[in-house]
Protein backbone atom coordinates (compact mmCIF):
# COMPACT_ATOMS: atom_id res chain seq x y z
CA MET A 1 -16.61 -4.84 18.84
CA LEU A 2 -12.86 -4.21 18.57
CA THR A 3 -13.31 -4.17 14.76
CA VAL A 4 -15.74 -1.28 14.89
CA ILE A 5 -13.68 0.58 17.36
CA LEU A 6 -10.71 0.45 14.82
CA ILE A 7 -12.98 2.21 12.37
CA LEU A 8 -14.64 4.69 14.66
CA PHE A 9 -11.68 5.79 16.73
CA PRO A 10 -9.71 7.61 13.94
CA LEU A 11 -12.92 9.04 12.74
CA ALA A 12 -13.78 10.47 16.06
CA LEU A 13 -10.21 11.81 16.49
CA SER A 14 -10.29 13.44 13.13
CA LEU A 15 -13.47 15.37 14.06
CA ILE A 16 -11.99 16.43 17.35
CA LEU A 17 -8.88 17.71 15.67
CA ILE A 18 -10.93 20.18 13.49
CA SER A 19 -11.78 22.11 16.77
CA VAL A 20 -8.20 22.30 18.13
CA ARG A 21 -6.34 25.61 17.23
CA GLN A 22 -2.78 25.23 18.57
CA GLU A 23 -0.56 23.52 15.92
CA ARG A 24 1.67 21.94 18.66
CA ALA A 25 -1.50 20.37 20.34
CA ILE A 26 -2.75 19.20 17.07
CA ARG A 27 0.36 17.38 16.18
CA GLN A 28 0.68 15.79 19.58
CA LEU A 29 -3.09 14.72 19.64
CA ALA A 30 -2.83 13.28 16.05
CA LEU A 31 0.29 11.23 17.01
CA ALA A 32 -1.00 10.03 20.24
CA GLY A 33 -4.26 8.99 18.72
CA SER A 34 -2.56 7.15 15.90
CA VAL A 35 -0.40 5.30 18.28
CA ALA A 36 -3.45 4.41 20.35
CA GLU A 37 -5.04 3.05 17.02
CA PHE A 38 -1.90 0.84 16.60
CA VAL A 39 -2.25 -0.49 20.11
CA LEU A 40 -5.81 -1.50 19.35
CA ALA A 41 -4.70 -3.20 16.22
CA VAL A 42 -2.09 -5.04 18.34
CA ALA A 43 -4.94 -6.14 20.59
CA ALA A 44 -6.72 -7.51 17.67
CA PHE A 45 -3.55 -9.34 16.59
CA ILE A 46 -3.18 -10.86 20.20
CA THR A 47 -6.79 -11.98 20.23
CA TYR A 48 -6.83 -13.32 16.72
CA LYS A 49 -7.20 -17.21 16.32
CA THR A 50 -5.79 -18.63 13.14
CA SER A 51 -8.07 -21.69 13.40
CA CYS A 52 -11.06 -19.42 12.54
CA HIS A 53 -11.46 -18.00 9.02
CA CYS A 54 -13.14 -14.83 10.23
CA ASN A 55 -12.28 -13.25 13.75
CA LEU A 56 -13.62 -10.32 15.58
CA LEU A 57 -16.86 -10.47 13.50
CA VAL A 58 -19.50 -7.81 13.87
CA THR A 59 -22.83 -7.77 12.12
CA ALA A 60 -25.60 -5.24 12.30
CA ASP A 61 -28.64 -4.57 9.96
CA TRP A 62 -28.42 -1.59 7.90
CA LEU A 63 -30.52 -1.73 4.61
CA SER A 64 -31.88 -5.20 5.31
CA THR A 65 -34.42 -5.03 2.71
CA LEU A 66 -31.68 -4.78 -0.03
CA GLY A 67 -29.50 -7.26 1.67
CA VAL A 68 -26.91 -4.69 2.91
CA SER A 69 -25.42 -5.24 6.43
CA LEU A 70 -22.69 -3.58 8.51
CA LYS A 71 -20.59 -6.81 8.60
CA PHE A 72 -16.93 -6.38 9.69
CA GLY A 73 -14.32 -8.95 10.52
CA MET A 74 -10.81 -10.06 9.88
CA ASP A 75 -9.08 -13.06 8.50
CA GLY A 76 -5.22 -13.33 8.45
CA ILE A 77 -4.92 -11.23 5.22
CA SER A 78 -7.19 -8.51 6.64
CA LEU A 79 -5.30 -8.37 9.87
CA MET A 80 -2.01 -8.03 8.14
CA MET A 81 -3.32 -5.03 6.18
CA VAL A 82 -4.78 -3.49 9.30
CA MET A 83 -1.51 -3.95 11.05
CA LEU A 84 0.45 -2.29 8.21
CA THR A 85 -2.00 0.73 8.18
CA THR A 86 -2.04 1.40 11.83
CA PHE A 87 1.76 0.89 12.13
CA LEU A 88 2.62 3.24 9.26
CA VAL A 89 0.12 6.11 10.06
CA PRO A 90 2.00 7.13 13.44
CA VAL A 91 5.27 6.95 11.47
CA ILE A 92 3.81 9.25 8.76
CA ILE A 93 2.47 11.75 11.27
CA LEU A 94 5.75 11.85 13.16
CA ALA A 95 7.75 12.42 10.00
CA SER A 96 5.44 15.27 9.15
CA PHE A 97 6.51 17.22 12.10
CA ASN A 98 9.36 18.73 10.41
CA HIS A 99 6.98 20.68 8.13
CA SER A 100 4.76 23.51 9.09
CA TYR A 101 1.49 23.06 7.07
CA SER A 102 -1.09 25.69 6.60
CA LYS A 103 -4.27 24.50 8.23
CA PRO A 104 -2.64 21.84 10.29
CA ALA A 105 -5.98 20.76 11.92
CA ALA A 106 -7.45 19.95 8.39
CA PHE A 107 -4.18 18.22 7.35
CA TYR A 108 -3.85 15.73 10.21
CA SER A 109 -7.45 15.36 10.38
CA LEU A 110 -7.50 14.20 6.60
CA ILE A 111 -4.79 11.67 7.42
CA LEU A 112 -6.81 10.25 10.33
CA LEU A 113 -9.89 10.17 8.10
CA MET A 114 -8.03 8.29 5.43
CA GLU A 115 -6.85 5.82 7.95
CA MET A 116 -10.44 5.21 9.03
CA ALA A 117 -11.32 4.45 5.42
CA LEU A 118 -8.38 2.26 4.84
CA VAL A 119 -9.13 0.10 7.80
CA GLY A 120 -12.80 0.00 6.70
CA VAL A 121 -11.75 -1.37 3.32
CA PHE A 122 -9.68 -4.01 4.99
CA VAL A 123 -12.24 -5.20 7.52
CA ALA A 124 -15.49 -4.97 5.47
CA PHE A 125 -17.26 -8.25 4.80
CA ASP A 126 -20.15 -6.58 2.87
CA GLY A 127 -19.70 -5.60 -0.73
CA LEU A 128 -21.40 -2.30 -0.65
CA VAL A 129 -19.79 -1.34 2.58
CA PHE A 130 -16.48 -2.26 1.05
CA TYR A 131 -17.17 0.04 -1.89
CA ILE A 132 -18.28 2.99 0.35
CA PHE A 133 -14.95 2.82 2.32
CA TRP A 134 -13.14 2.39 -0.99
CA GLU A 135 -14.59 5.74 -2.25
CA LEU A 136 -14.11 7.39 1.13
CA ALA A 137 -10.27 6.74 1.04
CA LEU A 138 -10.04 8.70 -2.17
CA ILE A 139 -11.54 11.89 -0.75
CA PRO A 140 -8.88 12.76 1.96
CA ALA A 141 -6.02 11.56 -0.38
CA TRP A 142 -7.20 13.91 -3.10
CA PHE A 143 -7.46 16.89 -0.68
CA ILE A 144 -4.00 16.24 0.81
CA CYS A 145 -2.41 16.22 -2.51
CA ALA A 146 -4.41 19.02 -4.10
CA VAL A 147 -4.03 21.53 -1.10
CA TRP A 148 -0.55 20.82 0.17
CA GLY A 149 0.97 19.45 -3.02
CA GLY A 150 3.84 21.01 -5.02
CA ASN A 151 3.89 22.65 -8.50
CA ASP A 152 1.18 21.82 -10.83
CA ARG A 153 -0.71 20.07 -8.19
CA ILE A 154 -4.27 20.89 -9.48
CA ARG A 155 -3.69 19.34 -12.92
CA ILE A 156 -2.00 16.31 -11.55
CA THR A 157 -4.51 15.62 -8.77
CA PHE A 158 -7.29 16.06 -11.24
CA LYS A 159 -5.79 13.39 -13.32
CA PHE A 160 -5.45 11.20 -10.42
CA PHE A 161 -9.11 11.79 -9.32
CA ILE A 162 -10.34 11.00 -12.91
CA TYR A 163 -8.36 7.79 -13.11
CA THR A 164 -9.43 6.47 -9.73
CA PHE A 165 -12.96 7.68 -10.21
CA VAL A 166 -13.49 5.96 -13.46
CA GLY A 167 -12.03 2.70 -12.04
CA SER A 168 -14.42 2.94 -9.15
CA LEU A 169 -17.44 3.34 -11.61
CA PHE A 170 -16.29 0.04 -13.34
CA MET A 171 -16.12 -1.73 -9.98
CA LEU A 172 -19.64 -0.35 -8.86
CA VAL A 173 -21.26 -1.57 -12.06
CA ALA A 174 -19.71 -4.94 -11.76
CA LEU A 175 -20.59 -5.10 -8.07
CA LEU A 176 -24.36 -4.42 -8.83
CA TYR A 177 -24.35 -7.02 -11.59
CA VAL A 178 -23.01 -9.74 -9.29
CA TYR A 179 -25.46 -8.61 -6.61
CA PHE A 180 -28.39 -9.37 -8.70
CA LYS A 181 -26.87 -12.69 -9.68
CA THR A 182 -26.65 -13.91 -5.92
CA PRO A 183 -29.28 -16.38 -4.79
CA LEU A 184 -32.64 -15.04 -3.56
CA PRO A 185 -32.91 -12.96 -1.46
CA HIS A 186 -30.15 -10.92 -2.96
CA SER A 187 -27.34 -9.96 -0.60
CA PHE A 188 -24.10 -7.96 -0.70
CA ASP A 189 -22.58 -10.37 1.88
CA PHE A 190 -19.10 -11.58 0.67
CA GLN A 191 -20.18 -15.20 0.82
CA TRP A 192 -23.32 -14.53 -1.21
CA LEU A 193 -21.48 -12.57 -3.85
CA TYR A 194 -18.98 -15.47 -4.03
CA ALA A 195 -21.81 -17.80 -4.70
CA ALA A 196 -23.33 -15.66 -7.52
CA ARG A 197 -24.58 -17.66 -10.49
CA LEU A 198 -22.34 -16.28 -13.31
CA THR A 199 -21.81 -17.78 -16.69
CA PRO A 200 -18.28 -17.88 -18.15
CA SER A 201 -18.96 -14.92 -20.34
CA GLU A 202 -20.41 -12.96 -17.47
CA GLN A 203 -17.44 -13.77 -15.38
CA SER A 204 -15.18 -12.51 -18.06
CA TRP A 205 -16.49 -8.99 -18.24
CA ILE A 206 -16.94 -8.83 -14.41
CA PHE A 207 -13.30 -9.77 -14.23
CA LEU A 208 -12.36 -7.01 -16.63
CA ALA A 209 -14.49 -4.42 -14.78
CA PHE A 210 -12.95 -5.31 -11.31
CA PHE A 211 -9.36 -5.68 -12.79
CA VAL A 212 -9.49 -2.14 -14.37
CA ALA A 213 -10.54 -0.72 -10.97
CA PHE A 214 -7.79 -2.56 -9.02
CA ALA A 215 -5.14 -2.21 -11.74
CA ILE A 216 -5.60 1.65 -11.67
CA LYS A 217 -5.21 1.82 -7.89
CA ILE A 218 -1.98 -0.44 -7.76
CA PRO A 219 -1.10 0.73 -10.59
CA VAL A 220 -0.42 -1.99 -13.10
CA PHE A 221 1.02 -1.19 -16.53
CA PRO A 222 -0.50 0.54 -18.63
CA PHE A 223 -2.78 2.13 -15.99
CA HIS A 224 0.13 3.63 -14.20
CA THR A 225 0.38 7.06 -15.90
CA TRP A 226 -1.09 9.03 -13.06
CA GLN A 227 1.27 7.63 -10.38
CA PRO A 228 4.63 9.11 -10.92
CA ASP A 229 3.39 12.72 -11.23
CA THR A 230 1.02 12.26 -8.23
CA TYR A 231 3.66 10.78 -6.01
CA THR A 232 6.12 13.54 -7.02
CA ALA A 233 3.79 16.44 -6.58
CA ALA A 234 2.07 15.32 -3.44
CA PRO A 235 3.42 16.25 -0.03
CA ALA A 236 5.72 13.84 1.69
CA ALA A 237 2.90 12.51 3.84
CA GLY A 238 0.72 12.22 0.76
CA SER A 239 3.22 10.20 -1.07
CA MET A 240 3.68 7.81 1.79
CA LEU A 241 -0.08 7.38 2.32
CA LEU A 242 -0.54 6.70 -1.43
CA ALA A 243 2.42 4.39 -1.91
CA GLY A 244 2.65 2.77 1.54
CA ILE A 245 -0.96 1.95 2.13
CA MET A 246 -3.53 3.03 -0.48
CA LEU A 247 -2.11 1.02 -3.36
CA LYS A 248 -2.46 -2.07 -1.21
CA MET A 249 -6.29 -1.61 -1.52
CA GLY A 250 -5.94 -2.66 -5.22
CA LEU A 251 -3.78 -5.73 -4.43
CA TYR A 252 -6.08 -6.71 -1.57
CA GLY A 253 -9.14 -6.23 -3.91
CA MET A 254 -7.62 -8.74 -6.31
CA ILE A 255 -7.30 -11.33 -3.68
CA ARG A 256 -10.63 -10.51 -1.88
CA TRP A 257 -12.76 -10.07 -5.15
CA LEU A 258 -11.19 -11.39 -8.36
CA ILE A 259 -10.27 -14.74 -7.35
CA PRO A 260 -13.48 -15.81 -5.48
CA VAL A 261 -15.91 -14.07 -7.80
CA CYS A 262 -14.21 -14.72 -11.04
CA HIS A 263 -12.58 -18.02 -10.27
CA ASN A 264 -13.60 -19.76 -13.55
CA THR A 265 -11.81 -17.15 -15.58
CA MET A 266 -8.64 -16.64 -13.60
CA GLN A 267 -6.72 -19.20 -15.67
CA GLN A 268 -8.08 -17.56 -18.90
CA PHE A 269 -6.98 -14.06 -18.07
CA ALA A 270 -3.77 -14.98 -15.98
CA PRO A 271 -1.35 -14.89 -19.07
CA VAL A 272 -2.59 -11.55 -20.08
CA VAL A 273 -2.06 -9.96 -16.76
CA LEU A 274 1.34 -11.64 -16.34
CA VAL A 275 2.42 -10.03 -19.61
CA LEU A 276 1.17 -6.68 -18.36
CA ALA A 277 2.80 -7.12 -14.97
CA VAL A 278 6.32 -8.28 -16.27
CA THR A 279 6.29 -5.49 -18.92
CA GLY A 280 5.62 -3.01 -16.11
CA ILE A 281 8.43 -4.39 -14.18
CA VAL A 282 11.07 -3.92 -17.01
CA TYR A 283 9.49 -0.65 -18.32
CA ALA A 284 9.31 1.05 -14.95
CA SER A 285 12.81 -0.22 -13.86
CA ILE A 286 14.42 1.16 -16.94
CA ILE A 287 12.83 4.57 -16.54
CA ALA A 288 13.90 4.56 -12.95
CA ILE A 289 17.49 4.10 -13.86
CA ARG A 290 17.37 7.23 -15.84
CA GLN A 291 15.79 9.51 -13.11
CA GLN A 292 17.48 12.31 -11.38
CA ASP A 293 14.75 13.25 -9.04
CA MET A 294 14.86 10.84 -6.16
CA LYS A 295 11.14 11.03 -5.45
CA ARG A 296 10.34 10.27 -8.97
CA LEU A 297 12.83 7.40 -9.09
CA VAL A 298 11.20 5.86 -6.01
CA ALA A 299 7.79 6.32 -7.68
CA TYR A 300 8.85 4.09 -10.73
CA SER A 301 10.46 1.65 -8.48
CA SER A 302 7.16 1.16 -6.82
CA ILE A 303 5.43 0.29 -10.26
CA ALA A 304 8.23 -2.32 -10.76
CA HIS A 305 7.78 -3.83 -7.23
CA VAL A 306 3.95 -3.92 -7.16
CA GLY A 307 4.05 -5.45 -10.74
CA LEU A 308 5.89 -8.43 -9.31
CA ILE A 309 3.17 -8.74 -6.53
CA ALA A 310 0.33 -8.62 -9.03
CA ALA A 311 2.08 -11.20 -11.14
CA GLY A 312 2.47 -13.45 -8.09
CA ILE A 313 -1.28 -13.13 -7.27
CA PHE A 314 -2.28 -14.51 -10.74
CA VAL A 315 -0.14 -17.59 -10.86
CA LEU A 316 -2.49 -19.00 -8.10
CA ASN A 317 -0.21 -21.09 -6.15
CA PRO A 318 0.44 -20.82 -2.24
CA TYR A 319 4.11 -19.74 -2.60
CA ALA A 320 3.41 -16.75 -4.78
CA MET A 321 0.27 -15.81 -2.91
CA GLN A 322 2.03 -15.93 0.42
CA GLY A 323 4.77 -13.97 -1.05
CA ALA A 324 2.43 -11.37 -2.37
CA VAL A 325 0.94 -10.75 0.99
CA ILE A 326 3.98 -10.50 3.00
CA GLN A 327 5.52 -8.29 0.21
CA MET A 328 2.53 -6.04 0.38
CA VAL A 329 3.65 -5.29 3.90
CA SER A 330 7.42 -5.16 3.04
CA HIS A 331 6.82 -2.74 0.23
CA GLY A 332 4.72 -0.46 2.46
CA VAL A 333 7.55 -0.42 5.14
CA ASN A 334 10.40 0.14 2.64
CA ILE A 335 8.83 2.94 0.45
CA VAL A 336 7.54 5.00 3.45
CA GLY A 337 11.11 4.74 4.73
CA LEU A 338 12.61 5.89 1.42
CA PHE A 339 10.15 8.71 1.11
CA ILE A 340 11.05 9.89 4.51
CA VAL A 341 14.71 9.84 3.83
CA ILE A 342 14.35 11.81 0.60
CA ASP A 343 12.14 14.29 2.47
CA LEU A 344 14.87 14.82 5.06
CA ILE A 345 17.58 15.06 2.44
CA GLU A 346 15.47 17.67 0.60
CA GLN A 347 14.73 19.64 3.69
CA ARG A 348 18.42 19.85 4.54
CA THR A 349 19.72 20.59 0.99
CA GLY A 350 16.78 22.13 -0.78
CA THR A 351 16.96 19.65 -3.80
CA ARG A 352 16.07 16.03 -4.47
CA ASN A 353 18.26 16.09 -7.62
CA ILE A 354 20.74 13.18 -7.59
CA SER A 355 23.52 15.08 -9.48
CA ASP A 356 23.36 17.94 -7.11
CA LEU A 357 24.23 15.86 -4.10
CA GLY A 358 27.16 13.89 -2.68
CA GLY A 359 29.06 13.24 0.42
CA ILE A 360 26.17 13.27 2.88
CA ALA A 361 27.49 10.24 4.69
CA LEU A 362 30.38 12.35 5.95
CA LYS A 363 28.11 15.03 7.44
CA ALA A 364 25.20 12.71 8.56
CA PRO A 365 26.43 9.18 9.21
CA ARG A 366 23.19 8.17 11.12
CA LEU A 367 21.21 9.13 8.16
CA ALA A 368 23.37 7.29 5.81
CA ILE A 369 23.26 4.08 7.86
CA VAL A 370 19.43 4.14 8.13
CA PHE A 371 19.09 4.91 4.44
CA LEU A 372 21.29 1.98 3.48
CA ILE A 373 19.20 -0.48 5.60
CA ILE A 374 16.00 0.66 4.07
CA LEU A 375 17.53 0.60 0.61
CA LEU A 376 18.82 -2.95 1.03
CA GLY A 377 15.46 -4.05 2.07
CA SER A 378 14.05 -2.53 -1.05
CA ILE A 379 16.55 -4.35 -3.21
CA ALA A 380 15.69 -7.75 -1.34
CA LEU A 381 19.05 -8.42 0.23
CA PRO A 382 18.84 -11.62 2.22
CA LEU A 383 17.95 -11.28 5.87
CA THR A 384 15.70 -8.24 5.00
CA ASN A 385 11.95 -8.17 4.55
CA GLY A 386 12.20 -7.60 0.76
CA PHE A 387 14.01 -10.90 0.32
CA ILE A 388 11.26 -13.11 1.88
CA GLY A 389 8.48 -11.80 -0.25
CA GLU A 390 10.42 -11.67 -3.63
CA PHE A 391 11.95 -15.00 -2.97
CA LEU A 392 8.44 -16.66 -2.56
CA LEU A 393 6.97 -14.56 -5.57
CA LEU A 394 9.77 -15.75 -7.87
CA LEU A 395 9.43 -19.36 -6.56
CA GLY A 396 5.76 -19.33 -7.28
CA LEU A 397 6.36 -17.70 -10.71
CA PHE A 398 9.00 -20.32 -11.53
CA LYS A 399 6.48 -23.15 -10.78
CA TYR A 400 4.16 -21.48 -13.33
CA SER A 401 6.66 -20.45 -16.02
CA MET A 402 10.43 -20.26 -15.95
CA ILE A 403 10.14 -17.52 -18.73
CA PHE A 404 7.87 -15.30 -16.69
CA ALA A 405 10.03 -15.96 -13.60
CA ALA A 406 13.16 -15.00 -15.44
CA ILE A 407 11.78 -11.72 -16.75
CA ALA A 408 10.24 -10.89 -13.45
CA GLY A 409 13.50 -11.65 -11.59
CA LEU A 410 15.02 -8.81 -13.39
CA THR A 411 13.37 -6.52 -10.96
CA ILE A 412 16.08 -7.53 -8.47
CA ILE A 413 18.91 -6.66 -10.92
CA PHE A 414 17.45 -3.51 -11.85
CA SER A 415 16.48 -2.37 -8.32
CA ALA A 416 20.01 -2.86 -7.27
CA VAL A 417 21.23 -0.73 -10.13
CA TYR A 418 19.06 2.37 -9.63
CA MET A 419 18.98 2.11 -5.79
CA LEU A 420 22.67 1.71 -5.25
CA ARG A 421 23.37 4.33 -7.83
CA MET A 422 21.25 6.73 -5.96
CA TYR A 423 22.93 5.95 -2.70
CA GLN A 424 26.40 6.17 -4.21
CA ARG A 425 25.79 9.58 -5.69
CA THR A 426 24.06 11.20 -2.73
CA MET A 427 25.59 9.55 0.31
CA LEU A 428 29.20 8.91 -0.92
CA GLY A 429 31.85 10.94 -2.86
CA LYS A 430 32.90 14.53 -1.96
CA ILE A 431 31.06 17.04 -0.09
CA ASN A 432 29.90 20.08 -2.21
CA GLU A 433 28.45 23.48 -1.40
CA ILE A 434 24.90 22.19 -1.29
CA THR A 435 25.68 19.27 1.10
CA ALA A 436 28.25 21.07 3.24
CA LEU A 437 25.87 22.19 5.92
CA THR A 438 23.81 18.79 6.17
CA THR A 439 22.93 17.87 9.68
CA ASP A 440 22.48 14.39 10.99
CA LEU A 441 19.18 12.79 12.09
CA SER A 442 17.60 14.41 15.23
CA TRP A 443 16.13 12.17 17.96
CA ARG A 444 12.66 12.88 16.60
CA GLU A 445 13.58 11.91 13.05
CA MET A 446 15.28 8.71 14.58
CA ALA A 447 12.10 7.86 16.27
CA ALA A 448 10.19 7.88 12.96
CA LEU A 449 12.78 5.65 11.13
CA ILE A 450 13.91 3.19 13.71
CA PRO A 451 10.48 1.36 13.76
CA LEU A 452 10.78 0.93 10.04
CA VAL A 453 14.39 -0.53 10.40
CA ILE A 454 13.04 -2.91 13.12
CA MET A 455 10.28 -4.21 10.82
CA ILE A 456 12.84 -4.52 7.91
CA LEU A 457 15.05 -6.80 9.97
CA TRP A 458 12.29 -8.44 11.94
CA ILE A 459 10.47 -9.73 8.88
CA GLY A 460 13.67 -10.71 7.25
CA LEU A 461 14.94 -12.62 10.18
CA PHE A 462 11.71 -14.02 11.62
CA PRO A 463 9.21 -14.22 8.66
CA MET A 464 7.19 -17.21 9.99
CA LEU A 465 5.17 -15.09 12.43
CA PHE A 466 3.67 -13.33 9.42
CA LEU A 467 3.51 -16.29 7.09
CA ASN A 468 1.68 -18.48 9.55
CA LEU A 469 -0.75 -15.72 10.09
CA THR A 470 -2.07 -15.87 6.54
CA ALA A 471 -1.29 -19.48 5.55
CA ASP A 472 -4.73 -20.96 6.06
CA ASP A 473 -6.56 -17.94 4.48
CA VAL A 474 -4.37 -18.02 1.34
CA ILE A 475 -5.16 -21.65 0.89
CA GLN A 476 -8.99 -20.84 1.31
CA VAL A 477 -8.69 -18.03 -1.40
CA LEU A 478 -6.90 -20.44 -3.80
CA ASN A 479 -9.57 -23.24 -3.18
CA TYR A 480 -12.10 -21.11 -5.07
CA CYS A 481 -10.05 -21.82 -8.30
CA ARG A 482 -9.98 -25.52 -7.79
């Protein structure tokens, strides 16, 4: 029942917020509700049993004649994604308090509606239900970007919508085909879909359809062209939701769908996907080095980092798969922290342009320290969260191919170049007329950033809590390919 509550609670709260008129009350209710949702996720974590493949399972008939049921549950991988989602949403809401949005009830209601859909994606154990939540997550994301975004937001969000909608159509066609290949009576239950009788040629085109849908959402090169513009034009909260949580839907889909359903073709397509992933790492990193807009720089850095995660998934060994799952969490924490810091700098100085800034550490030392910790996590410094995931990913890639591992490892060098360059030119150096009046972090801003700092250090220092949670489920996913 707790799984269902995790879905229904943010939905109910989003509907309640629509009727609230006072902006202060809207903010407080949204924050309190999102914190309560995180407490529910912690309760699920406490009751979770690693000895069981699927915990907190709830099943109810829906369209029983079509083999569709409301089946929800969690394995270790699902639980990690639910914990990430419910942890980041309160942080994003609190970080949004510095902005005064028009129609605040609609704004915060959409954030909670998106949280509901994201949780639904991660706990669904029925294919059609998974698809419904997948589509539901797109709607609030589009409205948040289109209504409260920056310049040229209509054109940019339309491009974002077209990309993701086309990808979703590919996934729907593939899903229906697999459904009709399940044993009689046909069912959308995950285990039935995994058991579908597909020939190698059928698996090949099913793989391509699913891969396009997931690659667009992540995004993997060359399906990435919607991402930098969308992240840049979106409001700060929209960028955080898209980069911190929503792109994980694509990576999660690869683990939950591609490997079990298309297990006979994974080895066939792995080299192609690896070439795309490592190309994206190098390509996005080089472009990031040349960026002056901090938000756009972080957008390209995200393409590089998730390219490494996607590569790790496709080498099909436990090291890389474990690294992919924990790096999904670490990437979410780090990129949300980076977007918050960039938003705070823009609020104080009126610009995100690196060349216009400098000397902020002299005026805002707390901001500089927090920024440095988040940045070090992003470039995978040992004892931070980024190191654990990237080390396991590169170890798994090395076992697959030294060449791919060497090229993918460039992400650590490149990220150090563009991240430290950004820090040096914004935080250090001389104060100028733009940064002269910069103020340090308020207690409310600290409250949004400190939980992220704690997670960066906690995962880096004590990773086994997270690795043990997903170890058995990673092995079970990989067993489909053996």
